[in-house]
């Protein structure tokens, strides 16, 4: 079990406050990727703008948002990726072939990386502006246009809704309600009221014991009804899932799936074992480790280690590599 510690919480780099000592602590971040707590944002940006205390970049108070990820780099990368998605929204059908579309996707990934990690930021922004100006018509056209995959997903969702309405799964709920009504503790207690009164009149047992026993029997009936309802709900969910999957498979037409064109990039890859230059004596082969006595002082692998693919030669060869490395310096 992992125990929470003070160092595992979020901390403001400016005032050093954290969620460990402040239950209302809220960390915010801006596009520069440097975090500040909500109190520091209010104090440092009281005039709606000001420099970042970490990098000195001028920021707007309204541009701060609540940090969701623990790593600011991930938060910054996510911000720029969402921002680029609004501009780079071209689809596969907007390109002549698959190669051009893949080059376009690789370009988008490069721009997202450059902005997130401050690599050639000015040049990257200039290229983004050029792309936006050159493809303004396509961007506006695809702004509210769904891709083929998105259209297929929406169509499947709509068909699932129609199937649920058509089959009327509410009947299962009504059946479960009828089961519960027949075994409801209150109604059962009312049905046995006459027998309770008769038992109170003719028995020498204390009245509280008789009523308590009847209530216990009613609660047992309610527990049985709850178990029946849970079992019926699980069965109904399984039937729903099976029905929708069968309907989805029947609705998929083979002509709607367009196979991607194969583009040959040359000869197939051939694995070549790398030649490691460790600047030291040559390492013995795995076969020589057994015959040369290297494994004499190595702990024997357990059954569960061997099941995972480990054997003594791997650990021994790694130790020898660390020992031989840079001995010739």
C-alpha atoms as a PDB file:
ATOM      1  CA  UNK A   1       0.000   0.000   0.000  1.00  0.00           C
ATOM      2  CA  UNK A   2       1.322   3.450  -0.940  1.00  0.00           C
ATOM      3  CA  UNK A   3       1.323   5.931   1.955  1.00  0.00           C
ATOM      4  CA  UNK A   4       0.716   9.576   1.252  1.00  0.00           C
ATOM      5  CA  UNK A   5       3.469  11.945   2.351  1.00  0.00           C
ATOM      6  CA  UNK A   6       3.967  15.659   2.371  1.00  0.00           C
ATOM      7  CA  UNK A   7       6.336  15.475  -0.600  1.00  0.00           C
ATOM      8  CA  UNK A   8       3.737  13.694  -2.753  1.00  0.00           C
ATOM      9  CA  UNK A   9       1.313  16.673  -2.794  1.00  0.00           C
ATOM     10  CA  UNK A  10       1.207  19.653  -5.122  1.00  0.00           C
ATOM     11  CA  UNK A  11       3.240  22.696  -4.116  1.00  0.00           C
ATOM     12  CA  UNK A  12       3.192  26.290  -5.344  1.00  0.00           C
ATOM     13  CA  UNK A  13       6.715  27.273  -6.527  1.00  0.00           C
ATOM     14  CA  UNK A  14       6.149  30.878  -5.430  1.00  0.00           C
ATOM     15  CA  UNK A  15       4.730  30.769  -1.868  1.00  0.00           C
ATOM     16  CA  UNK A  16       5.558  27.079  -1.192  1.00  0.00           C
ATOM     17  CA  UNK A  17       2.024  26.350   0.029  1.00  0.00           C
ATOM     18  CA  UNK A  18       0.626  22.911  -0.810  1.00  0.00           C
ATOM     19  CA  UNK A  19      -2.481  20.793  -0.569  1.00  0.00           C
ATOM     20  CA  UNK A  20      -0.911  19.181   2.490  1.00  0.00           C
ATOM     21  CA  UNK A  21      -1.462  22.239   4.706  1.00  0.00           C
ATOM     22  CA  UNK A  22      -4.314  23.902   2.774  1.00  0.00           C
ATOM     23  CA  UNK A  23      -7.445  21.894   2.043  1.00  0.00           C
ATOM     24  CA  UNK A  24      -8.665  24.572  -0.394  1.00  0.00           C
ATOM     25  CA  UNK A  25      -5.368  24.640  -2.301  1.00  0.00           C
ATOM     26  CA  UNK A  26      -5.840  25.005  -6.071  1.00  0.00           C
ATOM     27  CA  UNK A  27      -2.947  25.031  -8.543  1.00  0.00           C
ATOM     28  CA  UNK A  28      -3.257  27.016 -11.785  1.00  0.00           C
ATOM     29  CA  UNK A  29      -1.109  27.183 -14.896  1.00  0.00           C
ATOM     30  CA  UNK A  30      -0.688  29.358 -17.976  1.00  0.00           C
ATOM     31  CA  UNK A  31       0.567  28.713 -21.506  1.00  0.00           C
ATOM     32  CA  UNK A  32       4.183  29.243 -20.412  1.00  0.00           C
ATOM     33  CA  UNK A  33       3.928  25.999 -18.429  1.00  0.00           C
ATOM     34  CA  UNK A  34       4.746  27.384 -14.956  1.00  0.00           C
ATOM     35  CA  UNK A  35       2.365  26.724 -12.074  1.00  0.00           C
ATOM     36  CA  UNK A  36       1.063  29.120  -9.430  1.00  0.00           C
ATOM     37  CA  UNK A  37      -1.483  28.667  -6.683  1.00  0.00           C
ATOM     38  CA  UNK A  38      -4.778  30.549  -6.867  1.00  0.00           C
ATOM     39  CA  UNK A  39      -3.745  33.016  -4.137  1.00  0.00           C
ATOM     40  CA  UNK A  40      -0.513  33.928  -5.943  1.00  0.00           C
ATOM     41  CA  UNK A  41      -2.414  34.443  -9.195  1.00  0.00           C
ATOM     42  CA  UNK A  42      -4.789  36.861  -7.447  1.00  0.00           C
ATOM     43  CA  UNK A  43      -1.923  38.780  -5.817  1.00  0.00           C
ATOM     44  CA  UNK A  44       0.563  38.896  -8.711  1.00  0.00           C
ATOM     45  CA  UNK A  45      -2.005  39.606 -11.422  1.00  0.00           C
ATOM     46  CA  UNK A  46      -4.231  42.064  -9.580  1.00  0.00           C
ATOM     47  CA  UNK A  47      -3.974  44.363 -12.621  1.00  0.00           C
ATOM     48  CA  UNK A  48      -5.132  41.562 -14.934  1.00  0.00           C
ATOM     49  CA  UNK A  49      -1.635  41.071 -16.393  1.00  0.00           C
ATOM     50  CA  UNK A  50       1.925  40.724 -15.228  1.00  0.00           C
ATOM     51  CA  UNK A  51       5.194  38.818 -15.645  1.00  0.00           C
ATOM     52  CA  UNK A  52       5.555  35.156 -14.799  1.00  0.00           C
ATOM     53  CA  UNK A  53       7.722  34.879 -11.643  1.00  0.00           C
ATOM     54  CA  UNK A  54       9.591  31.930 -13.176  1.00  0.00           C
ATOM     55  CA  UNK A  55      10.317  32.927 -16.782  1.00  0.00           C
ATOM     56  CA  UNK A  56       9.346  36.621 -16.853  1.00  0.00           C
ATOM     57  CA  UNK A  57       6.918  36.183 -19.731  1.00  0.00           C
ATOM     58  CA  UNK A  58       3.981  38.631 -19.700  1.00  0.00           C
ATOM     59  CA  UNK A  59       0.776  36.753 -18.954  1.00  0.00           C
ATOM     60  CA  UNK A  60      -2.910  37.571 -18.614  1.00  0.00           C
ATOM     61  CA  UNK A  61      -4.825  36.663 -15.494  1.00  0.00           C
ATOM     62  CA  UNK A  62      -7.756  35.416 -17.562  1.00  0.00           C
ATOM     63  CA  UNK A  63      -5.489  32.938 -19.372  1.00  0.00           C
ATOM     64  CA  UNK A  64      -4.851  30.847 -16.252  1.00  0.00           C
ATOM     65  CA  UNK A  65      -6.712  27.572 -15.870  1.00  0.00           C
ATOM     66  CA  UNK A  66      -6.794  24.919 -13.172  1.00  0.00           C
ATOM     67  CA  UNK A  67      -3.977  22.410 -13.530  1.00  0.00           C
ATOM     68  CA  UNK A  68      -5.294  18.880 -14.027  1.00  0.00           C
ATOM     69  CA  UNK A  69      -2.061  16.887 -14.430  1.00  0.00           C
ATOM     70  CA  UNK A  70       0.660  16.711 -11.792  1.00  0.00           C
ATOM     71  CA  UNK A  71       3.366  17.309 -14.410  1.00  0.00           C
ATOM     72  CA  UNK A  72       3.251  20.885 -15.801  1.00  0.00           C
ATOM     73  CA  UNK A  73       4.950  19.684 -18.997  1.00  0.00           C
ATOM     74  CA  UNK A  74       2.038  17.336 -19.701  1.00  0.00           C
ATOM     75  CA  UNK A  75      -0.434  20.142 -18.983  1.00  0.00           C
ATOM     76  CA  UNK A  76       1.404  22.485 -21.373  1.00  0.00           C
ATOM     77  CA  UNK A  77       1.609  19.827 -24.083  1.00  0.00           C
ATOM     78  CA  UNK A  78      -2.124  19.139 -23.777  1.00  0.00           C
ATOM     79  CA  UNK A  79      -2.925  22.862 -24.023  1.00  0.00           C
ATOM     80  CA  UNK A  80      -0.999  23.360 -27.267  1.00  0.00           C
ATOM     81  CA  UNK A  81      -2.307  20.121 -28.748  1.00  0.00           C
ATOM     82  CA  UNK A  82      -5.918  21.273 -28.217  1.00  0.00           C
ATOM     83  CA  UNK A  83      -5.019  24.660 -29.670  1.00  0.00           C
ATOM     84  CA  UNK A  84      -3.479  23.127 -32.791  1.00  0.00           C
ATOM     85  CA  UNK A  85      -6.465  20.824 -33.291  1.00  0.00           C
ATOM     86  CA  UNK A  86      -8.638  23.839 -34.110  1.00  0.00           C
ATOM     87  CA  UNK A  87      -6.286  24.800 -36.967  1.00  0.00           C
ATOM     88  CA  UNK A  88      -5.017  21.434 -38.222  1.00  0.00           C
ATOM     89  CA  UNK A  89      -8.400  19.782 -38.776  1.00  0.00           C
ATOM     90  CA  UNK A  90      -7.810  18.427 -42.281  1.00  0.00           C
ATOM     91  CA  UNK A  91      -9.117  14.945 -43.127  1.00  0.00           C
ATOM     92  CA  UNK A  92      -7.687  12.100 -45.172  1.00  0.00           C
ATOM     93  CA  UNK A  93      -9.952  12.960 -48.100  1.00  0.00           C
ATOM     94  CA  UNK A  94      -8.332  16.419 -48.304  1.00  0.00           C
ATOM     95  CA  UNK A  95      -5.049  14.882 -49.531  1.00  0.00           C
ATOM     96  CA  UNK A  96      -4.073  13.163 -52.752  1.00  0.00           C
ATOM     97  CA  UNK A  97      -2.727  10.006 -51.108  1.00  0.00           C
ATOM     98  CA  UNK A  98      -2.007   8.435 -47.738  1.00  0.00           C
ATOM     99  CA  UNK A  99       1.661   9.469 -47.762  1.00  0.00           C
ATOM    100  CA  UNK A 100       0.786  13.180 -47.881  1.00  0.00           C
ATOM    101  CA  UNK A 101      -1.708  12.724 -45.051  1.00  0.00           C
ATOM    102  CA  UNK A 102       0.889  10.941 -42.902  1.00  0.00           C
ATOM    103  CA  UNK A 103       3.410  13.714 -43.586  1.00  0.00           C
ATOM    104  CA  UNK A 104       0.775  16.217 -42.491  1.00  0.00           C
ATOM    105  CA  UNK A 105       0.177  14.320 -39.222  1.00  0.00           C
ATOM    106  CA  UNK A 106       3.917  14.173 -38.573  1.00  0.00           C
ATOM    107  CA  UNK A 107       4.160  17.927 -39.135  1.00  0.00           C
ATOM    108  CA  UNK A 108       1.406  18.541 -36.576  1.00  0.00           C
ATOM    109  CA  UNK A 109       3.223  16.377 -34.021  1.00  0.00           C
ATOM    110  CA  UNK A 110       6.428  18.330 -34.622  1.00  0.00           C
ATOM    111  CA  UNK A 111       4.670  21.662 -34.088  1.00  0.00           C
ATOM    112  CA  UNK A 112       3.043  20.411 -30.868  1.00  0.00           C
ATOM    113  CA  UNK A 113       6.404  19.229 -29.554  1.00  0.00           C
ATOM    114  CA  UNK A 114       8.162  22.488 -30.452  1.00  0.00           C
ATOM    115  CA  UNK A 115       5.559  24.641 -28.699  1.00  0.00           C
ATOM    116  CA  UNK A 116       5.386  22.404 -25.631  1.00  0.00           C
ATOM    117  CA  UNK A 117       9.154  22.226 -25.114  1.00  0.00           C
ATOM    118  CA  UNK A 118      10.137  25.703 -26.402  1.00  0.00           C
ATOM    119  CA  UNK A 119      11.992  24.537 -29.515  1.00  0.00           C
ATOM    120  CA  UNK A 120      12.130  27.168 -32.318  1.00  0.00           C
ATOM    121  CA  UNK A 121       8.936  28.750 -31.021  1.00  0.00           C
ATOM    122  CA  UNK A 122       8.995  31.824 -33.266  1.00  0.00           C
ATOM    123  CA  UNK A 123       9.687  29.801 -36.414  1.00  0.00           C
ATOM    124  CA  UNK A 124       7.003  27.274 -35.471  1.00  0.00           C
ATOM    125  CA  UNK A 125       4.392  29.995 -34.909  1.00  0.00           C
ATOM    126  CA  UNK A 126       5.299  31.540 -38.261  1.00  0.00           C
ATOM    127  CA  UNK A 127       4.764  28.211 -40.046  1.00  0.00           C
ATOM    128  CA  UNK A 128       1.441  27.715 -38.276  1.00  0.00           C
ATOM    129  CA  UNK A 129       0.256  31.159 -39.413  1.00  0.00           C
ATOM    130  CA  UNK A 130       1.337  30.397 -42.982  1.00  0.00           C
ATOM    131  CA  UNK A 131      -0.561  27.106 -42.935  1.00  0.00           C
ATOM    132  CA  UNK A 132      -3.656  28.836 -41.556  1.00  0.00           C
ATOM    133  CA  UNK A 133      -3.553  31.498 -44.265  1.00  0.00           C
ATOM    134  CA  UNK A 134      -2.931  29.027 -47.094  1.00  0.00           C
ATOM    135  CA  UNK A 135      -5.657  26.589 -46.003  1.00  0.00           C
ATOM    136  CA  UNK A 136      -8.235  28.953 -44.528  1.00  0.00           C
ATOM    137  CA  UNK A 137     -11.024  27.643 -46.756  1.00  0.00           C
ATOM    138  CA  UNK A 138     -10.356  23.999 -45.880  1.00  0.00           C
ATOM    139  CA  UNK A 139     -10.123  24.800 -42.167  1.00  0.00           C
ATOM    140  CA  UNK A 140     -13.488  26.563 -42.183  1.00  0.00           C
ATOM    141  CA  UNK A 141     -14.996  23.748 -44.242  1.00  0.00           C
ATOM    142  CA  UNK A 142     -13.828  21.060 -41.811  1.00  0.00           C
ATOM    143  CA  UNK A 143     -14.661  23.062 -38.688  1.00  0.00           C
ATOM    144  CA  UNK A 144     -18.031  21.378 -38.226  1.00  0.00           C
ATOM    145  CA  UNK A 145     -17.426  18.400 -40.482  1.00  0.00           C
ATOM    146  CA  UNK A 146     -17.073  14.912 -39.063  1.00  0.00           C
ATOM    147  CA  UNK A 147     -14.638  12.346 -40.367  1.00  0.00           C
ATOM    148  CA  UNK A 148     -15.818   8.971 -41.633  1.00  0.00           C
ATOM    149  CA  UNK A 149     -14.879   7.327 -38.335  1.00  0.00           C
ATOM    150  CA  UNK A 150     -16.787   9.949 -36.339  1.00  0.00           C
ATOM    151  CA  UNK A 151     -19.824   9.561 -38.593  1.00  0.00           C
ATOM    152  CA  UNK A 152     -19.716   5.793 -38.121  1.00  0.00           C
ATOM    153  CA  UNK A 153     -19.513   6.189 -34.315  1.00  0.00           C
ATOM    154  CA  UNK A 154     -22.455   8.600 -34.253  1.00  0.00           C
ATOM    155  CA  UNK A 155     -24.459   6.256 -36.462  1.00  0.00           C
ATOM    156  CA  UNK A 156     -23.782   3.333 -34.134  1.00  0.00           C
ATOM    157  CA  UNK A 157     -24.783   5.389 -31.083  1.00  0.00           C
ATOM    158  CA  UNK A 158     -28.031   6.411 -32.732  1.00  0.00           C
ATOM    159  CA  UNK A 159     -28.813   2.824 -33.688  1.00  0.00           C
ATOM    160  CA  UNK A 160     -28.148   1.704 -30.121  1.00  0.00           C
ATOM    161  CA  UNK A 161     -30.616   4.296 -28.818  1.00  0.00           C
ATOM    162  CA  UNK A 162     -33.257   3.167 -31.292  1.00  0.00           C
ATOM    163  CA  UNK A 163     -32.675  -0.473 -30.384  1.00  0.00           C
ATOM    164  CA  UNK A 164     -33.071   0.279 -26.681  1.00  0.00           C
ATOM    165  CA  UNK A 165     -36.370   2.068 -27.310  1.00  0.00           C
ATOM    166  CA  UNK A 166     -37.621  -0.648 -29.642  1.00  0.00           C
ATOM    167  CA  UNK A 167     -36.988  -3.586 -27.354  1.00  0.00           C
ATOM    168  CA  UNK A 168     -38.440  -1.815 -24.323  1.00  0.00           C
ATOM    169  CA  UNK A 169     -35.989  -2.791 -21.645  1.00  0.00           C
ATOM    170  CA  UNK A 170     -38.226  -1.058 -19.110  1.00  0.00           C
ATOM    171  CA  UNK A 171     -40.223  -4.310 -18.949  1.00  0.00           C
ATOM    172  CA  UNK A 172     -37.434  -5.888 -16.949  1.00  0.00           C
ATOM    173  CA  UNK A 173     -37.615  -3.057 -14.404  1.00  0.00           C
ATOM    174  CA  UNK A 174     -41.386  -3.568 -14.083  1.00  0.00           C
ATOM    175  CA  UNK A 175     -40.849  -7.259 -13.496  1.00  0.00           C
ATOM    176  CA  UNK A 176     -38.298  -6.540 -10.770  1.00  0.00           C
ATOM    177  CA  UNK A 177     -40.690  -4.059  -9.159  1.00  0.00           C
ATOM    178  CA  UNK A 178     -43.414  -6.700  -9.075  1.00  0.00           C
ATOM    179  CA  UNK A 179     -41.051  -9.116  -7.368  1.00  0.00           C
ATOM    180  CA  UNK A 180     -40.190  -6.525  -4.720  1.00  0.00           C
ATOM    181  CA  UNK A 181     -43.838  -5.550  -4.200  1.00  0.00           C
ATOM    182  CA  UNK A 182     -44.758  -9.130  -3.375  1.00  0.00           C
ATOM    183  CA  UNK A 183     -42.012  -9.336  -0.757  1.00  0.00           C
ATOM    184  CA  UNK A 184     -42.047  -5.791   0.588  1.00  0.00           C
ATOM    185  CA  UNK A 185     -41.524  -5.884   4.415  1.00  0.00           C
ATOM    186  CA  UNK A 186     -44.255  -3.332   5.111  1.00  0.00           C
ATOM    187  CA  UNK A 187     -46.916  -5.062   2.996  1.00  0.00           C
ATOM    188  CA  UNK A 188     -45.919  -8.467   4.336  1.00  0.00           C
ATOM    189  CA  UNK A 189     -46.186  -7.183   7.895  1.00  0.00           C
ATOM    190  CA  UNK A 190     -49.662  -5.780   7.160  1.00  0.00           C
ATOM    191  CA  UNK A 191     -50.797  -9.111   5.691  1.00  0.00           C
ATOM    192  CA  UNK A 192     -49.720 -10.926   8.856  1.00  0.00           C
ATOM    193  CA  UNK A 193     -51.279  -8.349  11.190  1.00  0.00           C
ATOM    194  CA  UNK A 194     -54.113 -10.675  12.172  1.00  0.00           C
ATOM    195  CA  UNK A 195     -51.749 -13.511  12.974  1.00  0.00           C
ATOM    196  CA  UNK A 196     -49.606 -11.159  15.076  1.00  0.00           C
ATOM    197  CA  UNK A 197     -52.637  -9.968  17.044  1.00  0.00           C
ATOM    198  CA  UNK A 198     -53.788 -13.551  17.594  1.00  0.00           C
ATOM    199  CA  UNK A 199     -50.328 -14.564  18.778  1.00  0.00           C
ATOM    200  CA  UNK A 200     -50.195 -11.627  21.189  1.00  0.00           C
ATOM    201  CA  UNK A 201     -53.573 -12.622  22.657  1.00  0.00           C
ATOM    202  CA  UNK A 202     -52.931 -16.353  23.005  1.00  0.00           C
ATOM    203  CA  UNK A 203     -49.191 -16.462  23.778  1.00  0.00           C
ATOM    204  CA  UNK A 204     -47.357 -15.794  27.011  1.00  0.00           C
ATOM    205  CA  UNK A 205     -44.295 -14.536  25.052  1.00  0.00           C
ATOM    206  CA  UNK A 206     -43.307 -10.911  25.501  1.00  0.00           C
ATOM    207  CA  UNK A 207     -44.909  -8.632  22.861  1.00  0.00           C
ATOM    208  CA  UNK A 208     -41.581  -7.001  21.904  1.00  0.00           C
ATOM    209  CA  UNK A 209     -40.134 -10.432  21.074  1.00  0.00           C
ATOM    210  CA  UNK A 210     -43.059 -11.322  18.802  1.00  0.00           C
ATOM    211  CA  UNK A 211     -42.934  -7.987  16.925  1.00  0.00           C
ATOM    212  CA  UNK A 212     -39.142  -8.168  16.656  1.00  0.00           C
ATOM    213  CA  UNK A 213     -39.340 -11.662  15.139  1.00  0.00           C
ATOM    214  CA  UNK A 214     -41.900 -10.503  12.572  1.00  0.00           C
ATOM    215  CA  UNK A 215     -39.726  -7.536  11.606  1.00  0.00           C
ATOM    216  CA  UNK A 216     -36.716  -9.805  11.211  1.00  0.00           C
ATOM    217  CA  UNK A 217     -38.704 -12.088   8.897  1.00  0.00           C
ATOM    218  CA  UNK A 218     -39.825  -9.066   6.853  1.00  0.00           C
ATOM    219  CA  UNK A 219     -36.235  -7.815   6.512  1.00  0.00           C
ATOM    220  CA  UNK A 220     -35.116 -11.252   5.331  1.00  0.00           C
ATOM    221  CA  UNK A 221     -37.800 -11.121   2.648  1.00  0.00           C
ATOM    222  CA  UNK A 222     -36.531  -7.699   1.561  1.00  0.00           C
ATOM    223  CA  UNK A 223     -32.950  -8.991   1.283  1.00  0.00           C
ATOM    224  CA  UNK A 224     -34.127 -11.856  -0.903  1.00  0.00           C
ATOM    225  CA  UNK A 225     -36.025  -9.405  -3.109  1.00  0.00           C
ATOM    226  CA  UNK A 226     -32.934  -7.203  -3.469  1.00  0.00           C
ATOM    227  CA  UNK A 227     -30.850 -10.213  -4.508  1.00  0.00           C
ATOM    228  CA  UNK A 228     -33.469 -11.195  -7.101  1.00  0.00           C
ATOM    229  CA  UNK A 229     -33.526  -7.651  -8.476  1.00  0.00           C
ATOM    230  CA  UNK A 230     -29.709  -7.555  -8.729  1.00  0.00           C
ATOM    231  CA  UNK A 231     -29.631 -10.908 -10.535  1.00  0.00           C
ATOM    232  CA  UNK A 232     -32.376  -9.803 -12.907  1.00  0.00           C
ATOM    233  CA  UNK A 233     -30.558  -6.524 -13.623  1.00  0.00           C
ATOM    234  CA  UNK A 234     -27.292  -8.344 -14.406  1.00  0.00           C
ATOM    235  CA  UNK A 235     -29.102 -10.716 -16.756  1.00  0.00           C
ATOM    236  CA  UNK A 236     -30.843  -7.810 -18.450  1.00  0.00           C
ATOM    237  CA  UNK A 237     -27.540  -5.937 -18.956  1.00  0.00           C
ATOM    238  CA  UNK A 238     -25.957  -9.004 -20.537  1.00  0.00           C
ATOM    239  CA  UNK A 239     -28.931  -9.424 -22.881  1.00  0.00           C
ATOM    240  CA  UNK A 240     -28.769  -5.745 -23.840  1.00  0.00           C
ATOM    241  CA  UNK A 241     -25.059  -5.939 -24.629  1.00  0.00           C
ATOM    242  CA  UNK A 242     -25.458  -9.106 -26.703  1.00  0.00           C
ATOM    243  CA  UNK A 243     -28.401  -7.655 -28.638  1.00  0.00           C
ATOM    244  CA  UNK A 244     -26.608  -4.406 -29.449  1.00  0.00           C
ATOM    245  CA  UNK A 245     -23.425  -6.189 -30.530  1.00  0.00           C
ATOM    246  CA  UNK A 246     -25.360  -8.472 -32.876  1.00  0.00           C
ATOM    247  CA  UNK A 247     -27.220  -5.493 -34.342  1.00  0.00           C
ATOM    248  CA  UNK A 248     -23.978  -3.561 -34.778  1.00  0.00           C
ATOM    249  CA  UNK A 249     -22.323  -6.459 -36.587  1.00  0.00           C
ATOM    250  CA  UNK A 250     -25.314  -6.842 -38.902  1.00  0.00           C
ATOM    251  CA  UNK A 251     -25.324  -3.121 -39.697  1.00  0.00           C
ATOM    252  CA  UNK A 252     -21.672  -2.957 -40.712  1.00  0.00           C
ATOM    253  CA  UNK A 253     -21.345  -3.308 -44.464  1.00  0.00           C
ATOM    254  CA  UNK A 254     -18.116  -4.441 -46.000  1.00  0.00           C
ATOM    255  CA  UNK A 255     -18.260  -1.798 -48.699  1.00  0.00           C
ATOM    256  CA  UNK A 256     -18.106   0.968 -46.067  1.00  0.00           C
ATOM    257  CA  UNK A 257     -14.644  -0.163 -44.949  1.00  0.00           C
ATOM    258  CA  UNK A 258     -12.145   1.225 -47.415  1.00  0.00           C
ATOM    259  CA  UNK A 259      -8.756  -0.511 -47.174  1.00  0.00           C
ATOM    260  CA  UNK A 260      -5.751   1.783 -46.972  1.00  0.00           C
ATOM    261  CA  UNK A 261      -3.435   1.787 -49.934  1.00  0.00           C
ATOM    262  CA  UNK A 262      -0.146  -0.013 -49.276  1.00  0.00           C
ATOM    263  CA  UNK A 263       2.892   2.169 -49.816  1.00  0.00           C
ATOM    264  CA  UNK A 264       6.198   0.339 -50.120  1.00  0.00           C
ATOM    265  CA  UNK A 265       9.071   2.122 -48.381  1.00  0.00           C
ATOM    266  CA  UNK A 266      11.791  -0.130 -49.746  1.00  0.00           C
ATOM    267  CA  UNK A 267      13.343  -3.408 -48.649  1.00  0.00           C
ATOM    268  CA  UNK A 268      12.122  -5.094 -45.439  1.00  0.00           C
ATOM    269  CA  UNK A 269      13.993  -4.578 -42.192  1.00  0.00           C
ATOM    270  CA  UNK A 270      16.682  -7.137 -41.356  1.00  0.00           C
ATOM    271  CA  UNK A 271      17.861  -7.406 -37.765  1.00  0.00           C
ATOM    272  CA  UNK A 272      21.623  -7.127 -37.234  1.00  0.00           C
ATOM    273  CA  UNK A 273      23.034  -7.740 -33.782  1.00  0.00           C
ATOM    274  CA  UNK A 274      24.687  -4.508 -32.569  1.00  0.00           C
ATOM    275  CA  UNK A 275      28.396  -4.399 -31.818  1.00  0.00           C
ATOM    276  CA  UNK A 276      28.750  -2.862 -28.347  1.00  0.00           C
ATOM    277  CA  UNK A 277      31.893  -0.812 -27.783  1.00  0.00           C
ATOM    278  CA  UNK A 278      32.354  -0.681 -24.017  1.00  0.00           C
ATOM    279  CA  UNK A 279      35.989   0.512 -24.093  1.00  0.00           C
ATOM    280  CA  UNK A 280      37.066  -2.535 -22.124  1.00  0.00           C
ATOM    281  CA  UNK A 281      37.648  -6.304 -22.347  1.00  0.00           C
ATOM    282  CA  UNK A 282      35.337  -8.336 -24.534  1.00  0.00           C
ATOM    283  CA  UNK A 283      32.330  -9.822 -22.805  1.00  0.00           C
ATOM    284  CA  UNK A 284      31.927 -13.619 -22.813  1.00  0.00           C
ATOM    285  CA  UNK A 285      28.983 -15.111 -24.647  1.00  0.00           C
ATOM    286  CA  UNK A 286      26.017 -16.450 -22.723  1.00  0.00           C
ATOM    287  CA  UNK A 287      27.144 -19.992 -23.556  1.00  0.00           C
ATOM    288  CA  UNK A 288      30.651 -19.327 -22.164  1.00  0.00           C
ATOM    289  CA  UNK A 289      29.275 -18.101 -18.845  1.00  0.00           C
ATOM    290  CA  UNK A 290      28.273 -21.650 -17.885  1.00  0.00           C
ATOM    291  CA  UNK A 291      31.482 -23.353 -19.034  1.00  0.00           C
ATOM    292  CA  UNK A 292      33.888 -20.717 -17.635  1.00  0.00           C
ATOM    293  CA  UNK A 293      32.505 -20.750 -14.104  1.00  0.00           C
ATOM    294  CA  UNK A 294      31.090 -17.226 -14.090  1.00  0.00           C
ATOM    295  CA  UNK A 295      27.810 -18.441 -12.638  1.00  0.00           C
ATOM    296  CA  UNK A 296      29.398 -20.119  -9.632  1.00  0.00           C
ATOM    297  CA  UNK A 297      28.548 -17.234  -7.291  1.00  0.00           C
ATOM    298  CA  UNK A 298      25.316 -16.134  -8.986  1.00  0.00           C
ATOM    299  CA  UNK A 299      22.039 -16.716  -7.145  1.00  0.00           C
ATOM    300  CA  UNK A 300      19.906 -19.367  -8.820  1.00  0.00           C
ATOM    301  CA  UNK A 301      16.737 -18.024 -10.444  1.00  0.00           C
ATOM    302  CA  UNK A 302      13.474 -18.940  -8.754  1.00  0.00           C
ATOM    303  CA  UNK A 303      10.605 -20.654 -10.559  1.00  0.00           C
ATOM    304  CA  UNK A 304       8.577 -17.447 -10.937  1.00  0.00           C
ATOM    305  CA  UNK A 305      11.653 -15.600 -12.261  1.00  0.00           C
ATOM    306  CA  UNK A 306      12.265 -18.328 -14.824  1.00  0.00           C
ATOM    307  CA  UNK A 307       8.613 -18.202 -15.836  1.00  0.00           C
ATOM    308  CA  UNK A 308       9.099 -14.534 -16.732  1.00  0.00           C
ATOM    309  CA  UNK A 309      12.062 -15.328 -19.015  1.00  0.00           C
ATOM    310  CA  UNK A 310      14.896 -14.522 -16.597  1.00  0.00           C
ATOM    311  CA  UNK A 311      17.901 -16.785 -16.088  1.00  0.00           C
ATOM    312  CA  UNK A 312      21.209 -16.413 -14.252  1.00  0.00           C
ATOM    313  CA  UNK A 313      23.206 -15.539 -17.359  1.00  0.00           C
ATOM    314  CA  UNK A 314      21.349 -12.246 -17.898  1.00  0.00           C
ATOM    315  CA  UNK A 315      22.207 -10.854 -14.470  1.00  0.00           C
ATOM    316  CA  UNK A 316      25.796 -12.117 -14.662  1.00  0.00           C
ATOM    317  CA  UNK A 317      26.413 -10.598 -18.102  1.00  0.00           C
ATOM    318  CA  UNK A 318      24.980  -7.264 -16.968  1.00  0.00           C
ATOM    319  CA  UNK A 319      27.298  -7.238 -13.927  1.00  0.00           C
ATOM    320  CA  UNK A 320      30.292  -8.057 -16.157  1.00  0.00           C
ATOM    321  CA  UNK A 321      29.393  -5.241 -18.560  1.00  0.00           C
ATOM    322  CA  UNK A 322      29.287  -2.741 -15.688  1.00  0.00           C
ATOM    323  CA  UNK A 323      32.637  -4.055 -14.410  1.00  0.00           C
ATOM    324  CA  UNK A 324      34.429  -4.064 -17.816  1.00  0.00           C
ATOM    325  CA  UNK A 325      33.049  -0.760 -19.101  1.00  0.00           C
ATOM    326  CA  UNK A 326      35.738   1.959 -19.622  1.00  0.00           C
ATOM    327  CA  UNK A 327      38.575  -0.138 -18.150  1.00  0.00           C
ATOM    328  CA  UNK A 328      40.788   0.978 -21.075  1.00  0.00           C
ATOM    329  CA  UNK A 329      40.452   4.680 -20.244  1.00  0.00           C
END
